[in-house]
């Protein structure tokens, strides 16, 4: 079986595109997980700042900060793949 130049180039480009597609799928998932981690960390900061606006922290505000911190922990585990 004989291949011409363009057939060989097409096969090589196809293999490269397939490998890139697999790599991009993995990277895209990690980028989304990293974005979610940053978002959740910012939510914790916002909840803490909101709680400190009136110079006292209520039990409801503590519960909200704790919930946001748990979401950061979950986002961290998602990023690490646990």
Protein backbone atom coordinates (compact mmCIF):
# COMPACT_ATOMS: atom_id res chain seq x y z
CA UNK A 1 0.00 0.00 0.00
CA UNK A 2 1.41 3.31 -1.05
CA UNK A 3 0.72 6.68 0.63
CA UNK A 4 1.23 10.01 -0.98
CA UNK A 5 2.43 13.10 0.87
CA UNK A 6 -1.04 14.53 1.60
CA UNK A 7 -2.33 11.25 3.00
CA UNK A 8 0.55 11.11 5.46
CA UNK A 9 0.03 14.78 6.41
CA UNK A 10 -3.69 14.13 6.94
CA UNK A 11 -3.00 11.15 9.20
CA UNK A 12 -0.48 13.13 11.26
CA UNK A 13 -2.84 16.10 11.60
CA UNK A 14 -5.66 13.75 12.61
CA UNK A 15 -3.55 12.14 15.32
CA UNK A 16 -2.41 15.54 16.62
CA UNK A 17 -6.01 16.82 16.68
CA UNK A 18 -7.17 13.74 18.59
CA UNK A 19 -4.40 14.07 21.16
CA UNK A 20 -5.11 17.79 21.56
CA UNK A 21 -8.82 17.07 22.02
CA UNK A 22 -8.15 14.62 24.83
CA UNK A 23 -5.66 17.02 26.46
CA UNK A 24 -8.09 19.95 26.18
CA UNK A 25 -10.87 17.91 27.77
CA UNK A 26 -8.73 17.29 30.84
CA UNK A 27 -7.43 20.85 31.04
CA UNK A 28 -10.88 22.36 30.58
CA UNK A 29 -12.22 20.38 33.52
CA UNK A 30 -9.33 21.51 35.75
CA UNK A 31 -9.75 25.14 34.69
CA UNK A 32 -13.43 25.02 35.59
CA UNK A 33 -12.61 23.44 38.97
CA UNK A 34 -9.97 26.14 39.63
CA UNK A 35 -12.46 28.86 38.72
CA UNK A 36 -15.01 27.39 41.12
CA UNK A 37 -12.40 27.27 43.90
CA UNK A 38 -11.59 30.95 43.45
CA UNK A 39 -15.28 31.84 43.30
CA UNK A 40 -16.02 29.96 46.52
CA UNK A 41 -13.03 31.55 48.27
CA UNK A 42 -14.30 34.98 47.26
CA UNK A 43 -17.74 34.06 48.63
CA UNK A 44 -16.15 33.27 52.02
CA UNK A 45 -14.43 36.65 52.01
CA UNK A 46 -17.66 38.43 51.10
CA UNK A 47 -19.59 36.62 53.83
CA UNK A 48 -16.93 37.57 56.39
CA UNK A 49 -16.88 41.21 55.29
CA UNK A 50 -20.68 41.37 55.39
CA UNK A 51 -20.66 39.89 58.89
CA UNK A 52 -18.15 42.46 60.14
CA UNK A 53 -19.94 45.52 58.72
CA UNK A 54 -21.85 46.18 61.95
CA UNK A 55 -18.92 45.16 64.22
CA UNK A 56 -20.71 42.09 65.57
CA UNK A 57 -21.18 38.60 64.21
CA UNK A 58 -24.52 36.88 64.68
CA UNK A 59 -24.97 33.11 64.81
CA UNK A 60 -26.61 33.26 61.37
CA UNK A 61 -23.55 35.02 59.95
CA UNK A 62 -21.28 32.42 61.53
CA UNK A 63 -23.40 29.68 59.94
CA UNK A 64 -23.17 31.40 56.53
CA UNK A 65 -19.37 31.76 56.80
CA UNK A 66 -19.10 28.11 57.84
CA UNK A 67 -21.28 27.01 54.90
CA UNK A 68 -19.16 29.04 52.48
CA UNK A 69 -15.99 27.53 53.95
CA UNK A 70 -17.40 24.04 53.45
CA UNK A 71 -18.09 24.93 49.82
CA UNK A 72 -14.44 26.03 49.45
CA UNK A 73 -13.35 22.68 50.88
CA UNK A 74 -15.58 20.83 48.40
CA UNK A 75 -14.27 22.93 45.50
CA UNK A 76 -10.70 22.13 46.61
CA UNK A 77 -11.48 18.40 46.65
CA UNK A 78 -13.07 18.71 43.20
CA UNK A 79 -9.93 20.41 41.89
CA UNK A 80 -7.72 17.66 43.29
CA UNK A 81 -10.08 14.98 41.97
CA UNK A 82 -10.94 13.40 45.31
